[in-house]
Amino acid sequence: MKPIRPLLMALAAALTLSLAACSRENASADKGPPIAAAQALDVLAAEGKGFTVGATMAARTVYVLFDPQCPHCGHLWEASQPLLDKARFVWLPVAFISPKSLPQGAALLQSPQPLETMTAHEKALLGGSGGMSASASVPDDIRAAIERNTQLLGRLGAESVPFIVTRSPAGQPVLHAGSMETAALAALLGL
């Protein structure tokens, strides 16, 4: 019986890791040159479109590429809330999980109160209702921005969301796929 226990523990750990992110089925459809880790923050700042929450003057900026239909992204949103006074988070919506992803991402980008809108959306998503209602009519510029964010995700080599891009306290690029609890996120960010 004892030899089975390590195998079961390894299987449980692998299953937990695989459940910490939502994967993309067709990553090869993304266009554009790959983005090196060293340039990831600069490229996201220049080409990505998202909404900002947290300490606007914080030394630490954290980019999070997320799909509004991803429950793991919802868990990361919740885990990030206690850190909003220590870091600036820029949430960049992508769309690949569901037909709801694009309209919900557009609603979040256009919200005059993104913190409140995203909090309500994630609460509804994690509660099992599919998230907020959003108009299927998406302005062309917003649609293009979300499509560009989705391409950026692929160019970063990411195969799942949430996908975090930041710098370590030493200034090194940090790229991380998957959700985590608040303490682990704080450690990853050096907070």
N, C-alpha and C. Protein backbone atom coordinates (compact mmCIF):
# COMPACT_ATOMS: atom_id res chain seq x y z
N MET A 1 0.80 -1.21 0.00
CA MET A 1 0.00 0.00 0.00
C MET A 1 0.85 1.27 0.00
N LYS A 2 1.96 1.27 0.72
CA LYS A 2 2.76 2.49 0.81
C LYS A 2 3.30 2.97 -0.53
N PRO A 3 3.74 2.07 -1.48
CA PRO A 3 4.25 2.56 -2.76
C PRO A 3 3.21 3.32 -3.57
N ILE A 4 1.94 3.10 -3.34
CA ILE A 4 0.89 3.78 -4.09
C ILE A 4 0.74 5.23 -3.63
N ARG A 5 0.99 5.50 -2.36
CA ARG A 5 0.80 6.85 -1.82
C ARG A 5 1.64 7.91 -2.56
N PRO A 6 2.95 7.69 -2.78
CA PRO A 6 3.71 8.71 -3.53
C PRO A 6 3.17 8.91 -4.95
N LEU A 7 2.73 7.84 -5.57
CA LEU A 7 2.17 7.95 -6.91
C LEU A 7 0.89 8.79 -6.89
N LEU A 8 0.03 8.54 -5.91
CA LEU A 8 -1.20 9.32 -5.78
C LEU A 8 -0.91 10.79 -5.49
N MET A 9 0.09 11.05 -4.65
CA MET A 9 0.45 12.44 -4.34
C MET A 9 0.98 13.14 -5.59
N ALA A 10 1.80 12.45 -6.37
CA ALA A 10 2.32 13.05 -7.61
C ALA A 10 1.20 13.31 -8.60
N LEU A 11 0.26 12.38 -8.70
CA LEU A 11 -0.89 12.56 -9.59
C LEU A 11 -1.74 13.74 -9.15
N ALA A 12 -1.98 13.86 -7.85
CA ALA A 12 -2.77 14.98 -7.33
C ALA A 12 -2.06 16.31 -7.60
N ALA A 13 -0.75 16.35 -7.43
CA ALA A 13 0.00 17.58 -7.70
C ALA A 13 -0.07 17.96 -9.17
N ALA A 14 0.06 16.99 -10.05
CA ALA A 14 -0.02 17.26 -11.49
C ALA A 14 -1.40 17.74 -11.87
N LEU A 15 -2.43 17.15 -11.30
CA LEU A 15 -3.80 17.57 -11.58
C LEU A 15 -4.04 18.98 -11.09
N THR A 16 -3.53 19.32 -9.90
CA THR A 16 -3.68 20.67 -9.37
C THR A 16 -3.02 21.69 -10.28
N LEU A 17 -1.81 21.38 -10.77
CA LEU A 17 -1.12 22.30 -11.68
C LEU A 17 -1.89 22.48 -12.98
N SER A 18 -2.45 21.40 -13.49
CA SER A 18 -3.17 21.51 -14.76
C SER A 18 -4.47 22.27 -14.61
N LEU A 19 -4.99 22.37 -13.40
CA LEU A 19 -6.24 23.08 -13.18
C LEU A 19 -6.02 24.55 -12.82
N ALA A 20 -4.79 25.00 -12.76
CA ALA A 20 -4.51 26.36 -12.35
C ALA A 20 -4.54 27.36 -13.50
N ALA A 21 -4.89 26.89 -14.69
CA ALA A 21 -4.93 27.79 -15.84
C ALA A 21 -5.87 27.24 -16.89
N CYS A 22 -6.38 28.13 -17.74
CA CYS A 22 -7.22 27.74 -18.87
C CYS A 22 -6.35 27.76 -20.12
N SER A 23 -6.32 26.64 -20.84
CA SER A 23 -5.44 26.50 -22.01
C SER A 23 -6.11 26.92 -23.30
N ARG A 24 -5.26 27.33 -24.23
CA ARG A 24 -5.70 27.69 -25.58
C ARG A 24 -5.60 26.48 -26.47
N GLU A 25 -6.59 26.27 -27.31
CA GLU A 25 -6.57 25.14 -28.22
C GLU A 25 -5.76 25.41 -29.47
N ASN A 26 -5.77 26.63 -29.98
CA ASN A 26 -5.14 26.91 -31.26
C ASN A 26 -4.15 28.06 -31.14
N ALA A 27 -3.05 27.82 -30.44
CA ALA A 27 -2.05 28.87 -30.27
C ALA A 27 -1.32 29.19 -31.56
N SER A 28 -1.30 28.27 -32.51
CA SER A 28 -0.56 28.49 -33.74
C SER A 28 -1.20 29.55 -34.64
N ALA A 29 -2.44 29.95 -34.35
CA ALA A 29 -3.12 30.95 -35.17
C ALA A 29 -2.60 32.36 -34.91
N ASP A 30 -1.83 32.57 -33.83
CA ASP A 30 -1.33 33.90 -33.51
C ASP A 30 -0.28 34.33 -34.52
N LYS A 31 -0.33 35.61 -34.88
CA LYS A 31 0.61 36.15 -35.87
C LYS A 31 1.57 37.11 -35.20
N GLY A 32 2.72 37.22 -35.76
CA GLY A 32 3.70 38.17 -35.27
C GLY A 32 4.91 37.46 -34.71
N PRO A 33 6.01 38.20 -34.60
CA PRO A 33 7.25 37.61 -34.10
C PRO A 33 7.15 37.32 -32.60
N PRO A 34 7.87 36.31 -32.15
CA PRO A 34 7.89 36.02 -30.71
C PRO A 34 8.43 37.21 -29.93
N ILE A 35 7.97 37.34 -28.71
CA ILE A 35 8.44 38.40 -27.82
C ILE A 35 9.38 37.77 -26.80
N ALA A 36 10.60 38.27 -26.74
CA ALA A 36 11.57 37.78 -25.76
C ALA A 36 11.15 38.25 -24.37
N ALA A 37 11.45 37.44 -23.37
CA ALA A 37 11.09 37.77 -21.99
C ALA A 37 11.62 39.15 -21.59
N ALA A 38 12.82 39.50 -22.01
CA ALA A 38 13.42 40.78 -21.64
C ALA A 38 12.63 41.97 -22.17
N GLN A 39 11.90 41.79 -23.27
CA GLN A 39 11.12 42.88 -23.86
C GLN A 39 9.63 42.80 -23.53
N ALA A 40 9.21 41.79 -22.81
CA ALA A 40 7.78 41.55 -22.59
C ALA A 40 7.06 42.75 -21.97
N LEU A 41 7.60 43.34 -20.92
CA LEU A 41 6.93 44.48 -20.27
C LEU A 41 6.82 45.67 -21.22
N ASP A 42 7.89 45.97 -21.91
CA ASP A 42 7.87 47.11 -22.83
C ASP A 42 6.86 46.91 -23.96
N VAL A 43 6.80 45.69 -24.50
CA VAL A 43 5.88 45.41 -25.59
C VAL A 43 4.44 45.48 -25.09
N LEU A 44 4.16 44.91 -23.92
CA LEU A 44 2.80 44.98 -23.39
C LEU A 44 2.39 46.42 -23.10
N ALA A 45 3.32 47.21 -22.56
CA ALA A 45 3.01 48.62 -22.28
C ALA A 45 2.72 49.39 -23.56
N ALA A 46 3.45 49.09 -24.63
CA ALA A 46 3.30 49.83 -25.88
C ALA A 46 2.14 49.33 -26.74
N GLU A 47 1.90 48.01 -26.76
CA GLU A 47 0.95 47.44 -27.70
C GLU A 47 -0.33 46.89 -27.07
N GLY A 48 -0.30 46.60 -25.78
CA GLY A 48 -1.46 46.02 -25.13
C GLY A 48 -2.46 47.08 -24.70
N LYS A 49 -3.69 46.64 -24.48
CA LYS A 49 -4.73 47.54 -23.97
C LYS A 49 -5.41 46.85 -22.81
N GLY A 50 -5.40 47.51 -21.67
CA GLY A 50 -6.02 46.94 -20.49
C GLY A 50 -6.55 48.03 -19.59
N PHE A 51 -6.97 47.62 -18.42
CA PHE A 51 -7.42 48.58 -17.41
C PHE A 51 -6.54 48.42 -16.18
N THR A 52 -6.32 49.51 -15.49
CA THR A 52 -5.39 49.54 -14.37
C THR A 52 -6.14 49.61 -13.05
N VAL A 53 -5.69 48.80 -12.09
CA VAL A 53 -6.19 48.86 -10.72
C VAL A 53 -4.98 48.80 -9.80
N GLY A 54 -5.16 49.30 -8.61
CA GLY A 54 -4.09 49.25 -7.62
C GLY A 54 -3.40 50.59 -7.47
N ALA A 55 -2.22 50.54 -6.91
CA ALA A 55 -1.44 51.73 -6.61
C ALA A 55 -0.83 52.29 -7.88
N THR A 56 -1.37 53.39 -8.38
CA THR A 56 -0.91 53.93 -9.66
C THR A 56 0.54 54.40 -9.62
N MET A 57 1.04 54.76 -8.47
CA MET A 57 2.42 55.24 -8.36
C MET A 57 3.37 54.16 -7.82
N ALA A 58 2.92 52.91 -7.78
CA ALA A 58 3.74 51.82 -7.23
C ALA A 58 4.96 51.57 -8.10
N ALA A 59 6.03 51.13 -7.46
CA ALA A 59 7.25 50.78 -8.18
C ALA A 59 7.06 49.52 -9.02
N ARG A 60 6.15 48.66 -8.60
CA ARG A 60 5.94 47.37 -9.26
C ARG A 60 4.69 47.43 -10.14
N THR A 61 4.87 47.18 -11.45
CA THR A 61 3.75 47.05 -12.38
C THR A 61 3.66 45.60 -12.79
N VAL A 62 2.42 45.09 -12.77
CA VAL A 62 2.15 43.69 -13.08
C VAL A 62 1.13 43.65 -14.21
N TYR A 63 1.48 43.03 -15.32
CA TYR A 63 0.55 42.85 -16.42
C TYR A 63 -0.05 41.45 -16.31
N VAL A 64 -1.37 41.37 -16.43
CA VAL A 64 -2.05 40.08 -16.37
C VAL A 64 -2.91 39.94 -17.63
N LEU A 65 -2.57 38.98 -18.48
CA LEU A 65 -3.40 38.66 -19.64
C LEU A 65 -4.41 37.63 -19.15
N PHE A 66 -5.70 37.88 -19.39
CA PHE A 66 -6.75 37.02 -18.86
C PHE A 66 -7.90 36.92 -19.84
N ASP A 67 -8.63 35.82 -19.75
CA ASP A 67 -9.86 35.66 -20.52
C ASP A 67 -11.02 35.81 -19.54
N PRO A 68 -11.99 36.67 -19.83
CA PRO A 68 -13.10 36.89 -18.90
C PRO A 68 -13.90 35.63 -18.56
N GLN A 69 -13.76 34.57 -19.33
CA GLN A 69 -14.47 33.33 -19.05
C GLN A 69 -13.62 32.30 -18.29
N CYS A 70 -12.43 32.67 -17.89
CA CYS A 70 -11.50 31.76 -17.21
C CYS A 70 -11.69 31.84 -15.69
N PRO A 71 -12.11 30.75 -15.05
CA PRO A 71 -12.28 30.78 -13.60
C PRO A 71 -10.94 30.94 -12.86
N HIS A 72 -9.85 30.46 -13.43
CA HIS A 72 -8.54 30.62 -12.79
C HIS A 72 -8.14 32.09 -12.77
N CYS A 73 -8.51 32.81 -13.82
CA CYS A 73 -8.27 34.25 -13.86
C CYS A 73 -9.07 34.93 -12.76
N GLY A 74 -10.30 34.45 -12.53
CA GLY A 74 -11.12 34.98 -11.45
C GLY A 74 -10.49 34.77 -10.09
N HIS A 75 -9.89 33.60 -9.90
CA HIS A 75 -9.21 33.32 -8.63
C HIS A 75 -7.99 34.22 -8.47
N LEU A 76 -7.25 34.45 -9.57
CA LEU A 76 -6.10 35.35 -9.48
C LEU A 76 -6.56 36.76 -9.18
N TRP A 77 -7.67 37.19 -9.78
CA TRP A 77 -8.22 38.52 -9.48
C TRP A 77 -8.46 38.64 -7.97
N GLU A 78 -9.11 37.64 -7.39
CA GLU A 78 -9.39 37.67 -5.95
C GLU A 78 -8.10 37.68 -5.14
N ALA A 79 -7.12 36.88 -5.55
CA ALA A 79 -5.85 36.81 -4.83
C ALA A 79 -5.08 38.13 -4.91
N SER A 80 -5.28 38.88 -5.97
CA SER A 80 -4.54 40.14 -6.15
C SER A 80 -5.11 41.29 -5.30
N GLN A 81 -6.33 41.18 -4.87
CA GLN A 81 -6.98 42.31 -4.19
C GLN A 81 -6.24 42.80 -2.95
N PRO A 82 -5.73 41.92 -2.08
CA PRO A 82 -4.98 42.43 -0.92
C PRO A 82 -3.66 43.12 -1.28
N LEU A 83 -3.22 43.00 -2.51
CA LEU A 83 -1.94 43.58 -2.93
C LEU A 83 -2.11 44.89 -3.69
N LEU A 84 -3.33 45.35 -3.85
CA LEU A 84 -3.58 46.55 -4.67
C LEU A 84 -2.93 47.81 -4.10
N ASP A 85 -2.66 47.84 -2.81
CA ASP A 85 -2.00 49.02 -2.25
C ASP A 85 -0.48 48.96 -2.41
N LYS A 86 0.04 47.84 -2.93
CA LYS A 86 1.49 47.67 -3.07
C LYS A 86 1.96 47.57 -4.51
N ALA A 87 1.04 47.37 -5.44
CA ALA A 87 1.43 47.17 -6.84
C ALA A 87 0.36 47.75 -7.76
N ARG A 88 0.78 48.02 -8.97
CA ARG A 88 -0.13 48.49 -10.03
C ARG A 88 -0.36 47.30 -10.95
N PHE A 89 -1.62 46.88 -11.09
CA PHE A 89 -1.97 45.76 -11.94
C PHE A 89 -2.65 46.28 -13.20
N VAL A 90 -2.19 45.83 -14.35
CA VAL A 90 -2.82 46.15 -15.62
C VAL A 90 -3.38 44.84 -16.16
N TRP A 91 -4.71 44.77 -16.25
CA TRP A 91 -5.40 43.55 -16.71
C TRP A 91 -5.75 43.72 -18.18
N LEU A 92 -5.20 42.83 -19.02
CA LEU A 92 -5.39 42.88 -20.46
C LEU A 92 -6.28 41.72 -20.89
N PRO A 93 -7.52 42.00 -21.31
CA PRO A 93 -8.40 40.90 -21.71
C PRO A 93 -8.00 40.31 -23.06
N VAL A 94 -8.11 38.98 -23.13
CA VAL A 94 -7.93 38.24 -24.37
C VAL A 94 -9.23 37.47 -24.60
N ALA A 95 -9.38 36.88 -25.76
CA ALA A 95 -10.63 36.16 -26.05
C ALA A 95 -10.34 34.89 -26.82
N PHE A 96 -10.49 33.75 -26.15
CA PHE A 96 -10.35 32.48 -26.85
C PHE A 96 -11.15 31.35 -26.21
N ILE A 97 -11.70 31.55 -25.03
CA ILE A 97 -12.38 30.45 -24.35
C ILE A 97 -13.82 30.26 -24.83
N SER A 98 -14.53 31.37 -25.00
CA SER A 98 -15.97 31.28 -25.26
C SER A 98 -16.40 32.48 -26.11
N PRO A 99 -17.54 32.38 -26.78
CA PRO A 99 -18.06 33.55 -27.49
C PRO A 99 -18.36 34.72 -26.55
N LYS A 100 -18.53 34.45 -25.26
CA LYS A 100 -18.77 35.52 -24.28
C LYS A 100 -17.50 36.31 -23.97
N SER A 101 -16.33 35.73 -24.24
CA SER A 101 -15.06 36.35 -23.85
C SER A 101 -14.88 37.75 -24.43
N LEU A 102 -15.09 37.89 -25.73
CA LEU A 102 -14.88 39.18 -26.39
C LEU A 102 -15.84 40.26 -25.87
N PRO A 103 -17.16 40.02 -25.84
CA PRO A 103 -18.05 41.06 -25.33
C PRO A 103 -17.79 41.42 -23.87
N GLN A 104 -17.48 40.42 -23.05
CA GLN A 104 -17.20 40.72 -21.64
C GLN A 104 -15.89 41.50 -21.51
N GLY A 105 -14.88 41.13 -22.27
CA GLY A 105 -13.62 41.88 -22.27
C GLY A 105 -13.84 43.32 -22.70
N ALA A 106 -14.67 43.50 -23.72
CA ALA A 106 -14.98 44.85 -24.19
C ALA A 106 -15.69 45.66 -23.11
N ALA A 107 -16.64 45.04 -22.43
CA ALA A 107 -17.35 45.75 -21.35
C ALA A 107 -16.39 46.16 -20.24
N LEU A 108 -15.45 45.29 -19.93
CA LEU A 108 -14.47 45.63 -18.89
C LEU A 108 -13.55 46.78 -19.34
N LEU A 109 -13.11 46.74 -20.59
CA LEU A 109 -12.25 47.81 -21.09
C LEU A 109 -12.96 49.16 -21.13
N GLN A 110 -14.24 49.14 -21.38
CA GLN A 110 -15.00 50.39 -21.52
C GLN A 110 -15.61 50.87 -20.19
N SER A 111 -15.48 50.10 -19.15
CA SER A 111 -16.09 50.47 -17.88
C SER A 111 -15.43 51.70 -17.27
N PRO A 112 -16.23 52.66 -16.80
CA PRO A 112 -15.65 53.81 -16.11
C PRO A 112 -15.16 53.45 -14.70
N GLN A 113 -15.59 52.30 -14.19
CA GLN A 113 -15.17 51.82 -12.87
C GLN A 113 -14.72 50.36 -13.00
N PRO A 114 -13.55 50.13 -13.59
CA PRO A 114 -13.12 48.75 -13.87
C PRO A 114 -12.95 47.89 -12.61
N LEU A 115 -12.53 48.46 -11.50
CA LEU A 115 -12.36 47.67 -10.29
C LEU A 115 -13.70 47.07 -9.85
N GLU A 116 -14.71 47.91 -9.80
CA GLU A 116 -16.03 47.44 -9.38
C GLU A 116 -16.65 46.50 -10.41
N THR A 117 -16.48 46.82 -11.69
CA THR A 117 -17.06 45.99 -12.75
C THR A 117 -16.40 44.62 -12.77
N MET A 118 -15.07 44.58 -12.70
CA MET A 118 -14.36 43.30 -12.72
C MET A 118 -14.69 42.48 -11.47
N THR A 119 -14.78 43.12 -10.33
CA THR A 119 -15.11 42.40 -9.09
C THR A 119 -16.48 41.75 -9.21
N ALA A 120 -17.46 42.50 -9.69
CA ALA A 120 -18.81 41.94 -9.87
C ALA A 120 -18.81 40.83 -10.91
N HIS A 121 -18.08 41.02 -12.00
CA HIS A 121 -18.01 40.00 -13.05
C HIS A 121 -17.40 38.70 -12.50
N GLU A 122 -16.27 38.81 -11.83
CA GLU A 122 -15.60 37.60 -11.33
C GLU A 122 -16.44 36.91 -10.26
N LYS A 123 -17.12 37.67 -9.43
CA LYS A 123 -18.01 37.06 -8.44
C LYS A 123 -19.11 36.26 -9.13
N ALA A 124 -19.69 36.83 -10.19
CA ALA A 124 -20.74 36.13 -10.94
C ALA A 124 -20.16 34.91 -11.67
N LEU A 125 -18.99 35.06 -12.27
CA LEU A 125 -18.36 33.94 -12.98
C LEU A 125 -18.06 32.79 -12.03
N LEU A 126 -17.42 33.11 -10.91
CA LEU A 126 -17.07 32.07 -9.95
C LEU A 126 -18.30 31.50 -9.26
N GLY A 127 -19.38 32.27 -9.24
CA GLY A 127 -20.64 31.79 -8.68
C GLY A 127 -21.40 30.88 -9.62
N GLY A 128 -20.92 30.74 -10.84
CA GLY A 128 -21.52 29.80 -11.78
C GLY A 128 -22.51 30.39 -12.76
N SER A 129 -22.66 31.72 -12.79
CA SER A 129 -23.64 32.32 -13.70
C SER A 129 -23.04 32.73 -15.05
N GLY A 130 -21.75 32.49 -15.27
CA GLY A 130 -21.13 32.83 -16.54
C GLY A 130 -20.60 34.25 -16.61
N GLY A 131 -20.68 34.98 -15.52
CA GLY A 131 -20.17 36.36 -15.51
C GLY A 131 -21.23 37.36 -15.89
N MET A 132 -20.79 38.58 -16.12
CA MET A 132 -21.71 39.67 -16.42
C MET A 132 -22.32 39.54 -17.80
N SER A 133 -23.47 40.18 -17.97
CA SER A 133 -24.07 40.29 -19.30
C SER A 133 -23.33 41.39 -20.05
N ALA A 134 -23.11 41.16 -21.33
CA ALA A 134 -22.41 42.16 -22.14
C ALA A 134 -22.98 42.15 -23.55
N SER A 135 -23.05 43.31 -24.14
CA SER A 135 -23.56 43.46 -25.50
C SER A 135 -22.66 42.75 -26.50
N ALA A 136 -23.26 42.04 -27.43
CA ALA A 136 -22.49 41.39 -28.49
C ALA A 136 -21.96 42.40 -29.50
N SER A 137 -22.47 43.62 -29.46
CA SER A 137 -22.02 44.68 -30.34
C SER A 137 -20.78 45.33 -29.74
N VAL A 138 -19.62 45.02 -30.31
CA VAL A 138 -18.35 45.51 -29.79
C VAL A 138 -17.77 46.51 -30.79
N PRO A 139 -17.43 47.72 -30.34
CA PRO A 139 -16.82 48.69 -31.25
C PRO A 139 -15.55 48.12 -31.89
N ASP A 140 -15.32 48.49 -33.14
CA ASP A 140 -14.19 47.96 -33.90
C ASP A 140 -12.85 48.17 -33.21
N ASP A 141 -12.64 49.36 -32.62
CA ASP A 141 -11.35 49.63 -31.98
C ASP A 141 -11.14 48.75 -30.74
N ILE A 142 -12.21 48.48 -30.02
CA ILE A 142 -12.10 47.61 -28.84
C ILE A 142 -11.89 46.16 -29.27
N ARG A 143 -12.62 45.73 -30.29
CA ARG A 143 -12.42 44.38 -30.84
C ARG A 143 -10.96 44.20 -31.27
N ALA A 144 -10.43 45.18 -31.99
CA ALA A 144 -9.04 45.11 -32.46
C ALA A 144 -8.06 45.06 -31.28
N ALA A 145 -8.34 45.80 -30.23
CA ALA A 145 -7.46 45.81 -29.06
C ALA A 145 -7.44 44.44 -28.38
N ILE A 146 -8.60 43.82 -28.23
CA ILE A 146 -8.66 42.49 -27.59
C ILE A 146 -8.00 41.45 -28.49
N GLU A 147 -8.20 41.55 -29.79
CA GLU A 147 -7.53 40.63 -30.72
C GLU A 147 -6.01 40.81 -30.65
N ARG A 148 -5.55 42.06 -30.52
CA ARG A 148 -4.12 42.34 -30.39
C ARG A 148 -3.59 41.75 -29.08
N ASN A 149 -4.35 41.91 -27.97
CA ASN A 149 -3.94 41.31 -26.70
C ASN A 149 -3.80 39.79 -26.83
N THR A 150 -4.75 39.17 -27.54
CA THR A 150 -4.72 37.72 -27.74
C THR A 150 -3.49 37.33 -28.54
N GLN A 151 -3.15 38.11 -29.56
CA GLN A 151 -1.93 37.85 -30.34
C GLN A 151 -0.68 38.03 -29.47
N LEU A 152 -0.68 39.04 -28.62
CA LEU A 152 0.46 39.26 -27.72
C LEU A 152 0.66 38.05 -26.81
N LEU A 153 -0.43 37.49 -26.32
CA LEU A 153 -0.35 36.29 -25.48
C LEU A 153 0.38 35.17 -26.23
N GLY A 154 0.00 34.95 -27.48
CA GLY A 154 0.66 33.93 -28.29
C GLY A 154 2.11 34.25 -28.58
N ARG A 155 2.39 35.52 -28.85
CA ARG A 155 3.77 35.93 -29.13
C ARG A 155 4.67 35.78 -27.91
N LEU A 156 4.07 35.83 -26.72
CA LEU A 156 4.83 35.61 -25.49
C LEU A 156 5.12 34.13 -25.26
N GLY A 157 4.54 33.29 -26.09
CA GLY A 157 4.73 31.85 -25.94
C GLY A 157 3.80 31.23 -24.91
N ALA A 158 2.81 31.97 -24.48
CA ALA A 158 1.88 31.47 -23.46
C ALA A 158 0.84 30.57 -24.10
N GLU A 159 0.51 29.53 -23.40
CA GLU A 159 -0.50 28.59 -23.87
C GLU A 159 -1.72 28.58 -22.97
N SER A 160 -1.71 29.41 -21.93
CA SER A 160 -2.84 29.44 -21.01
C SER A 160 -2.92 30.80 -20.31
N VAL A 161 -4.06 31.02 -19.70
CA VAL A 161 -4.30 32.21 -18.88
C VAL A 161 -4.74 31.75 -17.51
N PRO A 162 -4.54 32.56 -16.49
CA PRO A 162 -3.91 33.88 -16.53
C PRO A 162 -2.42 33.78 -16.80
N PHE A 163 -1.89 34.85 -17.40
CA PHE A 163 -0.47 34.92 -17.71
C PHE A 163 0.05 36.25 -17.16
N ILE A 164 1.01 36.15 -16.25
CA ILE A 164 1.55 37.31 -15.53
C ILE A 164 2.89 37.69 -16.12
N VAL A 165 3.09 38.99 -16.31
CA VAL A 165 4.37 39.52 -16.77
C VAL A 165 4.74 40.68 -15.85
N THR A 166 5.92 40.61 -15.24
CA THR A 166 6.39 41.67 -14.35
C THR A 166 7.91 41.60 -14.28
N ARG A 167 8.50 42.32 -13.34
CA ARG A 167 9.94 42.25 -13.09
C ARG A 167 10.15 41.82 -11.65
N SER A 168 11.23 41.11 -11.42
CA SER A 168 11.61 40.74 -10.06
C SER A 168 12.17 41.98 -9.37
N PRO A 169 12.32 41.93 -8.04
CA PRO A 169 12.94 43.08 -7.37
C PRO A 169 14.33 43.41 -7.91
N ALA A 170 15.02 42.41 -8.49
CA ALA A 170 16.35 42.64 -9.07
C ALA A 170 16.27 43.16 -10.50
N GLY A 171 15.04 43.31 -11.04
CA GLY A 171 14.87 43.84 -12.38
C GLY A 171 14.80 42.80 -13.48
N GLN A 172 14.83 41.54 -13.14
CA GLN A 172 14.75 40.47 -14.13
C GLN A 172 13.31 40.24 -14.55
N PRO A 173 13.08 39.91 -15.82
CA PRO A 173 11.70 39.64 -16.26
C PRO A 173 11.15 38.38 -15.58
N VAL A 174 9.89 38.45 -15.22
CA VAL A 174 9.19 37.32 -14.61
C VAL A 174 7.94 37.06 -15.45
N LEU A 175 7.83 35.86 -15.99
CA LEU A 175 6.66 35.43 -16.74
C LEU A 175 6.11 34.20 -16.04
N HIS A 176 4.82 34.21 -15.74
CA HIS A 176 4.22 33.09 -14.99
C HIS A 176 2.84 32.79 -15.54
N ALA A 177 2.59 31.53 -15.84
CA ALA A 177 1.27 31.08 -16.28
C ALA A 177 0.57 30.41 -15.12
N GLY A 178 -0.69 30.77 -14.91
CA GLY A 178 -1.51 30.11 -13.90
C GLY A 178 -1.84 31.01 -12.73
N SER A 179 -2.84 30.58 -12.01
CA SER A 179 -3.31 31.30 -10.84
C SER A 179 -2.50 30.89 -9.62
N MET A 180 -2.63 31.66 -8.56
CA MET A 180 -1.97 31.34 -7.30
C MET A 180 -2.68 32.07 -6.17
N GLU A 181 -2.40 31.68 -4.97
CA GLU A 181 -2.96 32.34 -3.80
C GLU A 181 -2.21 33.65 -3.54
N THR A 182 -2.78 34.49 -2.68
CA THR A 182 -2.21 35.81 -2.40
C THR A 182 -0.76 35.75 -1.94
N ALA A 183 -0.45 34.86 -1.00
CA ALA A 183 0.93 34.78 -0.48
C ALA A 183 1.92 34.40 -1.57
N ALA A 184 1.55 33.46 -2.42
CA ALA A 184 2.43 33.07 -3.52
C ALA A 184 2.59 34.19 -4.53
N LEU A 185 1.50 34.92 -4.81
CA LEU A 185 1.57 36.06 -5.73
C LEU A 185 2.45 37.14 -5.16
N ALA A 186 2.31 37.44 -3.88
CA ALA A 186 3.18 38.43 -3.24
C ALA A 186 4.64 38.02 -3.33
N ALA A 187 4.92 36.75 -3.10
CA ALA A 187 6.30 36.26 -3.20
C ALA A 187 6.82 36.38 -4.62
N LEU A 188 6.01 36.02 -5.61
CA LEU A 188 6.41 36.13 -7.02
C LEU A 188 6.74 37.57 -7.38
N LEU A 189 5.96 38.50 -6.83
CA LEU A 189 6.16 39.93 -7.13
C LEU A 189 7.20 40.59 -6.25
N GLY A 190 7.68 39.89 -5.24
CA GLY A 190 8.67 40.47 -4.33
C GLY A 190 8.07 41.51 -3.42
N LEU A 191 6.81 41.30 -3.03
CA LEU A 191 6.13 42.26 -2.16
C LEU A 191 6.11 41.77 -0.71
